């Protein structure tokens, strides 16, 4: 099994060297196989833009490749709605550095999702982006960082009567 990926201007995207490829898979007649594969460690698809991907399967008995339909995915950035930069406490990994916690929204055609990103802005390092789930855009969000324990708390309304507290540590 392999993939063909093209970028925004239909230029082919080569796999990363040393990327772990899928091992050969033998599928018996009538058997159905479903796989979820994260393409980010296999291909350099980290630039903003649209990518087109299709899967190819080599059928050894016929000596032919078979191709899936093309799917499109887009790499975008979410919109920050709140940020706070805090110092990393002494006695922990990275002490003396700073981390920026960003509460962000990303709009999709049918919903809006809420995310938290933890990053070192000075060096451009993103440590993690956590999905907090779908949200109601018009509702207010409460967020506070706690410098003593180096974490962020976020309470967001995800439905009319559902409130979900989140604790994000880094």
Protein backbone atom coordinates (compact mmCIF):
# COMPACT_ATOMS: atom_id res chain seq x y z
CA UNK A 1 0.00 0.00 0.00
CA UNK A 2 1.29 3.46 -0.86
CA UNK A 3 0.16 7.04 -1.28
CA UNK A 4 0.40 9.70 -3.94
CA UNK A 5 0.25 13.20 -2.50
CA UNK A 6 0.28 16.47 -4.40
CA UNK A 7 0.45 19.99 -3.03
CA UNK A 8 -1.49 23.14 -3.84
CA UNK A 9 0.01 23.56 -7.29
CA UNK A 10 -0.21 19.84 -8.13
CA UNK A 11 3.49 19.28 -7.40
CA UNK A 12 4.16 15.72 -6.16
CA UNK A 13 5.18 15.37 -2.51
CA UNK A 14 7.90 12.74 -1.97
CA UNK A 15 7.88 10.60 1.18
CA UNK A 16 10.32 11.52 3.92
CA UNK A 17 13.52 9.52 3.81
CA UNK A 18 13.63 6.88 6.53
CA UNK A 19 9.85 6.97 6.99
CA UNK A 20 8.36 3.65 8.07
CA UNK A 21 6.42 2.25 5.15
CA UNK A 22 3.43 -0.02 5.50
CA UNK A 23 4.41 -3.67 5.52
CA UNK A 24 2.96 -5.86 2.75
CA UNK A 25 -0.55 -7.07 3.49
CA UNK A 26 -2.16 -10.17 2.04
CA UNK A 27 -5.92 -9.78 1.55
CA UNK A 28 -7.93 -12.89 0.80
CA UNK A 29 -10.84 -12.90 -1.67
CA UNK A 30 -13.94 -11.39 -0.02
CA UNK A 31 -11.93 -9.99 2.90
CA UNK A 32 -12.31 -6.33 3.85
CA UNK A 33 -9.50 -4.34 5.45
CA UNK A 34 -9.68 -0.84 6.93
CA UNK A 35 -6.60 1.12 8.05
CA UNK A 36 -6.11 4.58 9.52
CA UNK A 37 -2.68 5.94 8.70
CA UNK A 38 -1.18 9.21 9.96
CA UNK A 39 0.57 10.75 6.95
CA UNK A 40 2.47 13.43 8.90
CA UNK A 41 5.44 11.22 9.90
CA UNK A 42 5.58 9.80 6.36
CA UNK A 43 5.28 12.94 4.19
CA UNK A 44 6.23 16.62 4.62
CA UNK A 45 2.64 17.94 4.76
CA UNK A 46 3.16 20.65 7.37
CA UNK A 47 2.95 23.78 5.21
CA UNK A 48 -0.37 25.64 5.07
CA UNK A 49 -2.44 24.78 2.01
CA UNK A 50 -4.52 22.09 0.33
CA UNK A 51 -3.16 18.62 -0.35
CA UNK A 52 -4.60 15.87 -2.57
CA UNK A 53 -4.01 12.25 -1.60
CA UNK A 54 -4.93 8.91 -3.12
CA UNK A 55 -4.01 5.43 -2.02
CA UNK A 56 -2.54 2.82 -4.30
CA UNK A 57 -2.56 -0.93 -3.76
CA UNK A 58 -0.34 -3.28 -5.71
CA UNK A 59 -2.05 -6.53 -6.66
CA UNK A 60 0.85 -8.97 -7.12
CA UNK A 61 -1.16 -11.70 -8.85
CA UNK A 62 -2.06 -9.33 -11.70
CA UNK A 63 1.07 -7.18 -11.51
CA UNK A 64 -1.12 -4.04 -11.39
CA UNK A 65 -1.75 -1.05 -9.14
CA UNK A 66 -5.27 -0.08 -8.11
CA UNK A 67 -6.04 3.47 -6.95
CA UNK A 68 -8.57 5.00 -4.60
CA UNK A 69 -10.44 8.18 -5.33
CA UNK A 70 -8.62 11.41 -4.50
CA UNK A 71 -9.32 13.03 -1.14
CA UNK A 72 -8.41 16.60 -0.25
CA UNK A 73 -7.21 17.80 3.15
CA UNK A 74 -6.13 21.25 4.20
CA UNK A 75 -3.51 22.39 6.68
CA UNK A 76 -4.65 25.62 8.32
CA UNK A 77 -4.10 27.53 11.52
CA UNK A 78 -6.78 28.29 14.06
CA UNK A 79 -7.69 31.81 15.21
CA UNK A 80 -6.33 32.69 18.66
CA UNK A 81 -8.94 34.17 21.01
CA UNK A 82 -6.75 34.31 24.14
CA UNK A 83 -3.04 33.94 24.94
CA UNK A 84 -0.89 34.02 28.02
CA UNK A 85 2.86 33.52 28.34
CA UNK A 86 4.14 31.97 31.57
CA UNK A 87 7.53 30.92 32.86
CA UNK A 88 8.45 27.29 33.32
CA UNK A 89 8.97 26.73 37.07
CA UNK A 90 12.37 25.87 38.51
CA UNK A 91 12.97 22.18 39.08
CA UNK A 92 11.05 21.07 35.98
CA UNK A 93 12.20 20.28 32.46
CA UNK A 94 12.86 23.52 30.59
CA UNK A 95 12.96 25.64 33.75
CA UNK A 96 13.77 29.26 32.97
CA UNK A 97 12.08 29.07 29.55
CA UNK A 98 8.62 30.42 28.81
CA UNK A 99 5.55 28.75 27.31
CA UNK A 100 2.64 30.46 25.59
CA UNK A 101 -0.81 28.95 26.09
CA UNK A 102 -3.21 29.91 23.29
CA UNK A 103 -6.94 29.24 23.27
CA UNK A 104 -7.97 28.98 19.62
CA UNK A 105 -11.03 28.36 17.47
CA UNK A 106 -11.17 26.79 14.04
CA UNK A 107 -14.30 27.12 11.89
CA UNK A 108 -15.45 24.25 9.74
CA UNK A 109 -18.43 24.33 7.37
CA UNK A 110 -20.71 22.63 9.91
CA UNK A 111 -19.20 23.49 13.31
CA UNK A 112 -16.52 25.35 15.26
CA UNK A 113 -13.91 23.56 17.37
CA UNK A 114 -11.89 24.79 20.34
CA UNK A 115 -8.16 24.06 20.75
CA UNK A 116 -5.32 24.84 23.14
CA UNK A 117 -1.78 25.20 21.81
CA UNK A 118 1.33 25.13 24.00
CA UNK A 119 4.36 26.66 22.33
CA UNK A 120 7.72 28.35 22.75
CA UNK A 121 7.19 31.41 20.56
CA UNK A 122 10.78 32.60 20.75
CA UNK A 123 12.04 29.49 18.91
CA UNK A 124 8.87 28.70 16.98
CA UNK A 125 8.43 25.32 18.72
CA UNK A 126 4.89 23.95 19.13
CA UNK A 127 4.89 21.38 21.93
CA UNK A 128 1.28 20.29 21.54
CA UNK A 129 -2.13 21.28 20.20
CA UNK A 130 -5.03 19.79 22.14
CA UNK A 131 -8.53 19.50 20.73
CA UNK A 132 -11.15 20.41 23.33
CA UNK A 133 -14.04 19.56 21.00
CA UNK A 134 -16.86 21.39 19.27
CA UNK A 135 -18.09 24.58 20.85
CA UNK A 136 -20.86 27.14 20.69
CA UNK A 137 -19.11 30.23 19.37
CA UNK A 138 -21.30 32.83 21.02
CA UNK A 139 -20.90 31.46 24.54
CA UNK A 140 -18.24 32.90 26.78
CA UNK A 141 -15.21 30.89 27.82
CA UNK A 142 -13.48 31.13 31.16
CA UNK A 143 -9.75 30.53 31.16
CA UNK A 144 -7.04 31.03 33.73
CA UNK A 145 -3.46 29.91 34.02
CA UNK A 146 -2.01 28.79 37.31
CA UNK A 147 1.65 29.77 37.51
CA UNK A 148 2.24 27.73 40.66
CA UNK A 149 1.46 24.39 39.00
CA UNK A 150 2.22 25.45 35.40
CA UNK A 151 -1.08 24.52 33.80
CA UNK A 152 -4.12 26.15 32.23
CA UNK A 153 -7.78 25.62 33.09
CA UNK A 154 -10.50 26.20 30.49
CA UNK A 155 -14.25 25.89 31.02
CA UNK A 156 -16.24 26.05 27.79
CA UNK A 157 -19.88 25.55 26.87
CA UNK A 158 -20.15 22.83 24.21
CA UNK A 159 -23.96 22.62 24.12
CA UNK A 160 -26.81 24.47 25.76
CA UNK A 161 -26.52 22.54 29.03
CA UNK A 162 -23.11 20.89 28.82
CA UNK A 163 -20.06 22.53 30.40
CA UNK A 164 -16.72 20.76 30.13
CA UNK A 165 -13.75 21.73 32.29
CA UNK A 166 -10.29 21.01 30.84
CA UNK A 167 -6.89 21.07 32.53
CA UNK A 168 -3.93 21.43 30.17
CA UNK A 169 -0.46 20.78 31.56
CA UNK A 170 2.86 21.26 29.91
